[in-house]
Amino acid sequence: MRNFHLSYVLIALVTLLSCKEAQEEKTIKPIDNSEIEQLFLKDIELRELDARTDTVILENYDKVHRNRIFELLATGEVKSPLDKFRAALILQHTAGKLCEGELGSVSPENYLLAYHLSSAALKELQAVNDTASLNKENFPRMVALNYDRFLLYTEGYQKYGTQFVFDAATGASLLAPIDTTLATDEERKKLNVEPLHELLSKYKMKPMPAN
């Protein structure tokens, strides 16, 4: 009988250890994709060069980078929160277009995909309370920015207030139209966007589109 009890204790101990090991496996963080990091760094480098020299045709490079991100997404290689953040930034740099005075984009759905990627990254980091990463890259504002850009290039207005447009008549930069019914200041605060009254006190806003 004593041997039976000892065997039972050993079996229980093995079971507990196995459960612990399984739990540890679940919490292993995915490794950041080095190729996505290189695309991200090149994206930044090109923009810094263009800001200094005004000689870079950005879309020539951006299109190649976006297509590679699509391939990596299709093969499940965009895994970590930082992968998703970097992929979102690359997709966010989809070229705009101006047709008969109307602002548009060559592929506005890219902004929506960027929004979903950055939202997922934000939730994953918040779940593990990784405040260092959240603050370093400003993940919350990236979420607002991506959604605002999608709305602006599809509906002509934004939700939070992160986007600006060029006014051809005056040559000034204006705050893109904001549908003030879509978000509260509390929602803006969570995404590191200024309160509405502060935005409107600092910037002149372009009127909402007629339609």
C-alpha atoms as a PDB file:
ATOM      1  CA  MET A   1       0.000   0.000   0.000  1.00  0.00           C
ATOM      2  CA  ARG A   2       2.841   2.368   0.844  1.00  0.00           C
ATOM      3  CA  ASN A   3       4.432   1.710  -2.562  1.00  0.00           C
ATOM      4  CA  PHE A   4       1.099   2.518  -4.185  1.00  0.00           C
ATOM      5  CA  HIS A   5       0.953   5.923  -2.484  1.00  0.00           C
ATOM      6  CA  LEU A   6       4.535   6.686  -3.503  1.00  0.00           C
ATOM      7  CA  SER A   7       3.794   5.789  -7.130  1.00  0.00           C
ATOM      8  CA  TYR A   8       0.706   8.007  -7.079  1.00  0.00           C
ATOM      9  CA  VAL A   9       2.698  10.965  -5.746  1.00  0.00           C
ATOM     10  CA  LEU A  10       5.377  10.492  -8.421  1.00  0.00           C
ATOM     11  CA  ILE A  11       2.758  10.330 -11.183  1.00  0.00           C
ATOM     12  CA  ALA A  12       1.092  13.494  -9.855  1.00  0.00           C
ATOM     13  CA  LEU A  13       4.446  15.252  -9.712  1.00  0.00           C
ATOM     14  CA  VAL A  14       5.272  14.309 -13.294  1.00  0.00           C
ATOM     15  CA  THR A  15       1.866  15.556 -14.407  1.00  0.00           C
ATOM     16  CA  LEU A  16       2.348  18.896 -12.665  1.00  0.00           C
ATOM     17  CA  LEU A  17       5.768  19.399 -14.184  1.00  0.00           C
ATOM     18  CA  SER A  18       4.447  18.565 -17.629  1.00  0.00           C
ATOM     19  CA  CYS A  19       1.668  21.148 -17.251  1.00  0.00           C
ATOM     20  CA  LYS A  20       4.198  23.752 -16.181  1.00  0.00           C
ATOM     21  CA  GLU A  21       6.406  23.028 -19.178  1.00  0.00           C
ATOM     22  CA  ALA A  22       3.409  23.257 -21.496  1.00  0.00           C
ATOM     23  CA  GLN A  23       2.513  26.632 -20.000  1.00  0.00           C
ATOM     24  CA  GLU A  24       6.059  27.901 -20.514  1.00  0.00           C
ATOM     25  CA  GLU A  25       5.925  26.856 -24.154  1.00  0.00           C
ATOM     26  CA  LYS A  26       2.742  28.895 -24.618  1.00  0.00           C
ATOM     27  CA  THR A  27       4.409  32.059 -23.311  1.00  0.00           C
ATOM     28  CA  ILE A  28       7.488  31.918 -25.553  1.00  0.00           C
ATOM     29  CA  LYS A  29       7.678  35.169 -27.520  1.00  0.00           C
ATOM     30  CA  PRO A  30       7.939  34.933 -31.309  1.00  0.00           C
ATOM     31  CA  ILE A  31      11.292  36.076 -32.681  1.00  0.00           C
ATOM     32  CA  ASP A  32      11.246  39.294 -34.681  1.00  0.00           C
ATOM     33  CA  ASN A  33      11.636  38.764 -38.426  1.00  0.00           C
ATOM     34  CA  SER A  34      15.022  40.200 -39.485  1.00  0.00           C
ATOM     35  CA  GLU A  35      13.924  40.724 -43.095  1.00  0.00           C
ATOM     36  CA  ILE A  36      10.977  42.861 -42.010  1.00  0.00           C
ATOM     37  CA  GLU A  37      13.344  44.858 -39.801  1.00  0.00           C
ATOM     38  CA  GLN A  38      15.624  45.529 -42.786  1.00  0.00           C
ATOM     39  CA  LEU A  39      12.674  46.631 -44.942  1.00  0.00           C
ATOM     40  CA  PHE A  40      11.526  48.912 -42.122  1.00  0.00           C
ATOM     41  CA  LEU A  41      14.989  50.486 -41.694  1.00  0.00           C
ATOM     42  CA  LYS A  42      15.326  50.967 -45.465  1.00  0.00           C
ATOM     43  CA  ASP A  43      11.924  52.653 -45.505  1.00  0.00           C
ATOM     44  CA  ILE A  44      13.112  55.161 -42.899  1.00  0.00           C
ATOM     45  CA  GLU A  45      16.469  55.668 -44.623  1.00  0.00           C
ATOM     46  CA  LEU A  46      14.826  56.483 -47.961  1.00  0.00           C
ATOM     47  CA  ARG A  47      12.533  59.044 -46.382  1.00  0.00           C
ATOM     48  CA  GLU A  48      15.373  60.729 -44.562  1.00  0.00           C
ATOM     49  CA  LEU A  49      17.328  60.889 -47.824  1.00  0.00           C
ATOM     50  CA  ASP A  50      14.359  62.328 -49.710  1.00  0.00           C
ATOM     51  CA  ALA A  51      13.787  64.923 -46.979  1.00  0.00           C
ATOM     52  CA  ARG A  52      17.392  66.115 -47.439  1.00  0.00           C
ATOM     53  CA  THR A  53      17.681  65.921 -51.224  1.00  0.00           C
ATOM     54  CA  ASP A  54      14.161  65.688 -52.714  1.00  0.00           C
ATOM     55  CA  THR A  55      15.562  63.209 -55.244  1.00  0.00           C
ATOM     56  CA  VAL A  56      13.964  59.879 -54.285  1.00  0.00           C
ATOM     57  CA  ILE A  57      10.923  58.500 -56.098  1.00  0.00           C
ATOM     58  CA  LEU A  58       9.633  56.764 -52.987  1.00  0.00           C
ATOM     59  CA  GLU A  59       6.879  54.741 -54.638  1.00  0.00           C
ATOM     60  CA  ASN A  60       9.445  52.880 -56.742  1.00  0.00           C
ATOM     61  CA  TYR A  61      10.835  51.394 -53.525  1.00  0.00           C
ATOM     62  CA  ASP A  62       7.646  51.374 -51.452  1.00  0.00           C
ATOM     63  CA  LYS A  63       5.800  49.168 -53.941  1.00  0.00           C
ATOM     64  CA  VAL A  64       8.562  46.534 -53.800  1.00  0.00           C
ATOM     65  CA  HIS A  65       8.558  46.641 -49.989  1.00  0.00           C
ATOM     66  CA  ARG A  66       4.769  46.331 -49.799  1.00  0.00           C
ATOM     67  CA  ASN A  67       4.716  43.365 -52.148  1.00  0.00           C
ATOM     68  CA  ARG A  68       7.301  41.599 -50.021  1.00  0.00           C
ATOM     69  CA  ILE A  69       5.225  42.250 -46.894  1.00  0.00           C
ATOM     70  CA  PHE A  70       2.212  40.682 -48.637  1.00  0.00           C
ATOM     71  CA  GLU A  71       4.315  37.604 -49.386  1.00  0.00           C
ATOM     72  CA  LEU A  72       5.483  37.353 -45.776  1.00  0.00           C
ATOM     73  CA  LEU A  73       1.920  37.741 -44.524  1.00  0.00           C
ATOM     74  CA  ALA A  74       0.734  35.004 -46.876  1.00  0.00           C
ATOM     75  CA  THR A  75       3.382  32.587 -45.570  1.00  0.00           C
ATOM     76  CA  GLY A  76       2.734  33.394 -41.910  1.00  0.00           C
ATOM     77  CA  GLU A  77       6.081  35.082 -41.300  1.00  0.00           C
ATOM     78  CA  VAL A  78       4.718  38.278 -39.723  1.00  0.00           C
ATOM     79  CA  LYS A  79       4.435  37.014 -36.151  1.00  0.00           C
ATOM     80  CA  SER A  80       5.743  39.257 -33.398  1.00  0.00           C
ATOM     81  CA  PRO A  81       4.168  42.567 -32.333  1.00  0.00           C
ATOM     82  CA  LEU A  82       7.193  44.386 -33.727  1.00  0.00           C
ATOM     83  CA  ASP A  83       6.839  42.519 -37.044  1.00  0.00           C
ATOM     84  CA  LYS A  84       3.237  43.711 -37.242  1.00  0.00           C
ATOM     85  CA  PHE A  85       4.144  47.276 -36.319  1.00  0.00           C
ATOM     86  CA  ARG A  86       6.890  47.433 -38.939  1.00  0.00           C
ATOM     87  CA  ALA A  87       4.708  45.794 -41.594  1.00  0.00           C
ATOM     88  CA  ALA A  88       1.953  48.299 -40.811  1.00  0.00           C
ATOM     89  CA  LEU A  89       4.315  51.222 -41.301  1.00  0.00           C
ATOM     90  CA  ILE A  90       5.440  49.874 -44.675  1.00  0.00           C
ATOM     91  CA  LEU A  91       1.832  49.342 -45.798  1.00  0.00           C
ATOM     92  CA  GLN A  92       0.937  52.785 -44.494  1.00  0.00           C
ATOM     93  CA  HIS A  93       3.311  54.244 -47.079  1.00  0.00           C
ATOM     94  CA  THR A  94       0.990  53.449 -49.974  1.00  0.00           C
ATOM     95  CA  ALA A  95       0.987  56.299 -52.456  1.00  0.00           C
ATOM     96  CA  GLY A  96      -1.866  58.761 -52.558  1.00  0.00           C
ATOM     97  CA  LYS A  97      -3.293  60.294 -55.699  1.00  0.00           C
ATOM     98  CA  LEU A  98      -5.176  63.434 -56.603  1.00  0.00           C
ATOM     99  CA  CYS A  99      -7.808  63.059 -59.314  1.00  0.00           C
ATOM    100  CA  GLU A 100      -9.935  66.061 -60.327  1.00  0.00           C
ATOM    101  CA  GLY A 101      -9.350  67.615 -56.935  1.00  0.00           C
ATOM    102  CA  GLU A 102     -10.360  64.459 -55.052  1.00  0.00           C
ATOM    103  CA  LEU A 103      -7.877  62.861 -52.662  1.00  0.00           C
ATOM    104  CA  GLY A 104      -7.472  59.115 -53.102  1.00  0.00           C
ATOM    105  CA  SER A 105      -4.976  56.287 -52.919  1.00  0.00           C
ATOM    106  CA  VAL A 106      -3.604  53.666 -55.288  1.00  0.00           C
ATOM    107  CA  SER A 107      -4.688  51.019 -52.764  1.00  0.00           C
ATOM    108  CA  PRO A 108      -6.595  52.328 -49.695  1.00  0.00           C
ATOM    109  CA  GLU A 109      -7.244  48.810 -48.374  1.00  0.00           C
ATOM    110  CA  ASN A 110      -3.544  48.724 -47.461  1.00  0.00           C
ATOM    111  CA  TYR A 111      -4.279  51.277 -44.747  1.00  0.00           C
ATOM    112  CA  LEU A 112      -7.047  49.085 -43.363  1.00  0.00           C
ATOM    113  CA  LEU A 113      -4.692  46.101 -43.270  1.00  0.00           C
ATOM    114  CA  ALA A 114      -2.108  48.287 -41.533  1.00  0.00           C
ATOM    115  CA  TYR A 115      -4.763  49.237 -38.972  1.00  0.00           C
ATOM    116  CA  HIS A 116      -5.561  45.600 -38.199  1.00  0.00           C
ATOM    117  CA  LEU A 117      -1.873  44.691 -37.916  1.00  0.00           C
ATOM    118  CA  SER A 118      -1.086  47.581 -35.585  1.00  0.00           C
ATOM    119  CA  SER A 119      -4.233  46.909 -33.517  1.00  0.00           C
ATOM    120  CA  ALA A 120      -3.201  43.278 -33.045  1.00  0.00           C
ATOM    121  CA  ALA A 121       0.318  44.333 -32.054  1.00  0.00           C
ATOM    122  CA  LEU A 122      -1.056  46.828 -29.532  1.00  0.00           C
ATOM    123  CA  LYS A 123      -3.339  44.243 -27.904  1.00  0.00           C
ATOM    124  CA  GLU A 124      -0.546  41.674 -27.675  1.00  0.00           C
ATOM    125  CA  LEU A 125       1.816  44.106 -25.947  1.00  0.00           C
ATOM    126  CA  GLN A 126      -0.897  45.359 -23.604  1.00  0.00           C
ATOM    127  CA  ALA A 127      -1.725  41.748 -22.676  1.00  0.00           C
ATOM    128  CA  VAL A 128       1.829  41.203 -21.383  1.00  0.00           C
ATOM    129  CA  ASN A 129       2.122  44.770 -20.025  1.00  0.00           C
ATOM    130  CA  ASP A 130       5.132  45.568 -22.231  1.00  0.00           C
ATOM    131  CA  THR A 131       5.030  49.309 -21.618  1.00  0.00           C
ATOM    132  CA  ALA A 132       8.627  49.817 -22.750  1.00  0.00           C
ATOM    133  CA  SER A 133       7.859  48.658 -26.307  1.00  0.00           C
ATOM    134  CA  LEU A 134       4.513  50.461 -26.355  1.00  0.00           C
ATOM    135  CA  ASN A 135       6.104  53.787 -25.451  1.00  0.00           C
ATOM    136  CA  LYS A 136       9.233  53.429 -27.589  1.00  0.00           C
ATOM    137  CA  GLU A 137       7.374  53.013 -30.869  1.00  0.00           C
ATOM    138  CA  ASN A 138       4.102  54.720 -29.852  1.00  0.00           C
ATOM    139  CA  PHE A 139       1.956  51.727 -30.855  1.00  0.00           C
ATOM    140  CA  PRO A 140      -1.336  53.357 -29.747  1.00  0.00           C
ATOM    141  CA  ARG A 141      -0.984  56.379 -32.018  1.00  0.00           C
ATOM    142  CA  MET A 142      -0.029  54.127 -34.925  1.00  0.00           C
ATOM    143  CA  VAL A 143      -3.441  52.455 -34.616  1.00  0.00           C
ATOM    144  CA  ALA A 144      -5.235  55.816 -34.776  1.00  0.00           C
ATOM    145  CA  LEU A 145      -3.065  57.010 -37.643  1.00  0.00           C
ATOM    146  CA  ASN A 146      -3.720  53.940 -39.777  1.00  0.00           C
ATOM    147  CA  TYR A 147      -7.482  54.089 -39.299  1.00  0.00           C
ATOM    148  CA  ASP A 148      -7.562  57.838 -39.945  1.00  0.00           C
ATOM    149  CA  ARG A 149      -5.614  57.365 -43.154  1.00  0.00           C
ATOM    150  CA  PHE A 150      -7.989  54.628 -44.337  1.00  0.00           C
ATOM    151  CA  LEU A 151     -11.039  56.813 -43.697  1.00  0.00           C
ATOM    152  CA  LEU A 152      -9.456  59.889 -45.244  1.00  0.00           C
ATOM    153  CA  TYR A 153      -8.572  58.113 -48.484  1.00  0.00           C
ATOM    154  CA  THR A 154     -11.930  56.369 -48.785  1.00  0.00           C
ATOM    155  CA  GLU A 155     -14.472  58.746 -47.223  1.00  0.00           C
ATOM    156  CA  GLY A 156     -12.692  62.105 -47.212  1.00  0.00           C
ATOM    157  CA  TYR A 157     -12.590  62.561 -43.422  1.00  0.00           C
ATOM    158  CA  GLN A 158     -10.911  61.072 -40.365  1.00  0.00           C
ATOM    159  CA  LYS A 159     -11.949  59.772 -36.950  1.00  0.00           C
ATOM    160  CA  TYR A 160      -9.272  60.812 -34.451  1.00  0.00           C
ATOM    161  CA  GLY A 161      -7.273  63.735 -35.891  1.00  0.00           C
ATOM    162  CA  THR A 162      -3.837  62.499 -36.968  1.00  0.00           C
ATOM    163  CA  GLN A 163      -3.923  63.463 -40.648  1.00  0.00           C
ATOM    164  CA  PHE A 164      -3.146  66.700 -42.467  1.00  0.00           C
ATOM    165  CA  VAL A 165      -3.801  67.733 -46.055  1.00  0.00           C
ATOM    166  CA  PHE A 166      -2.318  70.358 -48.369  1.00  0.00           C
ATOM    167  CA  ASP A 167      -4.566  73.239 -49.332  1.00  0.00           C
ATOM    168  CA  ALA A 168      -3.683  74.066 -52.930  1.00  0.00           C
ATOM    169  CA  ALA A 169      -5.517  77.412 -52.752  1.00  0.00           C
ATOM    170  CA  THR A 170      -3.460  78.808 -49.868  1.00  0.00           C
ATOM    171  CA  GLY A 171      -0.409  76.554 -49.840  1.00  0.00           C
ATOM    172  CA  ALA A 172      -1.075  75.797 -46.189  1.00  0.00           C
ATOM    173  CA  SER A 173      -1.188  72.474 -44.353  1.00  0.00           C
ATOM    174  CA  LEU A 174      -4.621  71.891 -42.828  1.00  0.00           C
ATOM    175  CA  LEU A 175      -5.965  69.357 -40.391  1.00  0.00           C
ATOM    176  CA  ALA A 176      -7.918  66.889 -42.484  1.00  0.00           C
ATOM    177  CA  PRO A 177     -11.700  66.938 -41.859  1.00  0.00           C
ATOM    178  CA  ILE A 178     -12.726  65.158 -38.638  1.00  0.00           C
ATOM    179  CA  ASP A 179     -16.126  63.557 -38.160  1.00  0.00           C
ATOM    180  CA  THR A 180     -16.492  64.662 -34.551  1.00  0.00           C
ATOM    181  CA  THR A 181     -19.258  62.110 -33.870  1.00  0.00           C
ATOM    182  CA  LEU A 182     -16.969  59.094 -34.310  1.00  0.00           C
ATOM    183  CA  ALA A 183     -14.607  59.304 -31.318  1.00  0.00           C
ATOM    184  CA  THR A 184     -14.589  60.729 -27.803  1.00  0.00           C
ATOM    185  CA  ASP A 185     -11.633  62.468 -26.189  1.00  0.00           C
ATOM    186  CA  GLU A 186     -11.291  59.436 -23.908  1.00  0.00           C
ATOM    187  CA  GLU A 187     -10.804  57.232 -26.982  1.00  0.00           C
ATOM    188  CA  ARG A 188      -8.288  59.718 -28.367  1.00  0.00           C
ATOM    189  CA  LYS A 189      -6.367  59.715 -25.092  1.00  0.00           C
ATOM    190  CA  LYS A 190      -6.045  55.911 -25.157  1.00  0.00           C
ATOM    191  CA  LEU A 191      -4.450  56.204 -28.603  1.00  0.00           C
ATOM    192  CA  ASN A 192      -2.162  59.132 -27.699  1.00  0.00           C
ATOM    193  CA  VAL A 193      -4.105  61.668 -29.749  1.00  0.00           C
ATOM    194  CA  GLU A 194      -4.758  65.192 -28.468  1.00  0.00           C
ATOM    195  CA  PRO A 195      -8.292  66.158 -27.301  1.00  0.00           C
ATOM    196  CA  LEU A 196     -10.504  67.570 -30.042  1.00  0.00           C
ATOM    197  CA  HIS A 197     -10.603  71.097 -28.586  1.00  0.00           C
ATOM    198  CA  GLU A 198      -6.793  71.145 -28.438  1.00  0.00           C
ATOM    199  CA  LEU A 199      -6.475  70.034 -32.053  1.00  0.00           C
ATOM    200  CA  LEU A 200      -8.932  72.677 -33.243  1.00  0.00           C
ATOM    201  CA  SER A 201      -7.209  75.392 -31.211  1.00  0.00           C
ATOM    202  CA  LYS A 202      -3.817  74.589 -32.765  1.00  0.00           C
ATOM    203  CA  TYR A 203      -4.760  73.858 -36.382  1.00  0.00           C
ATOM    204  CA  LYS A 204      -7.185  75.127 -38.975  1.00  0.00           C
ATOM    205  CA  MET A 205      -9.352  72.237 -40.171  1.00  0.00           C
ATOM    206  CA  LYS A 206     -10.496  71.682 -43.719  1.00  0.00           C
ATOM    207  CA  PRO A 207     -14.314  71.509 -43.928  1.00  0.00           C
ATOM    208  CA  MET A 208     -16.063  68.150 -44.120  1.00  0.00           C
ATOM    209  CA  PRO A 209     -16.695  66.925 -47.691  1.00  0.00           C
ATOM    210  CA  ALA A 210     -20.061  67.971 -49.100  1.00  0.00           C
ATOM    211  CA  ASN A 211     -21.205  64.416 -49.733  1.00  0.00           C
END
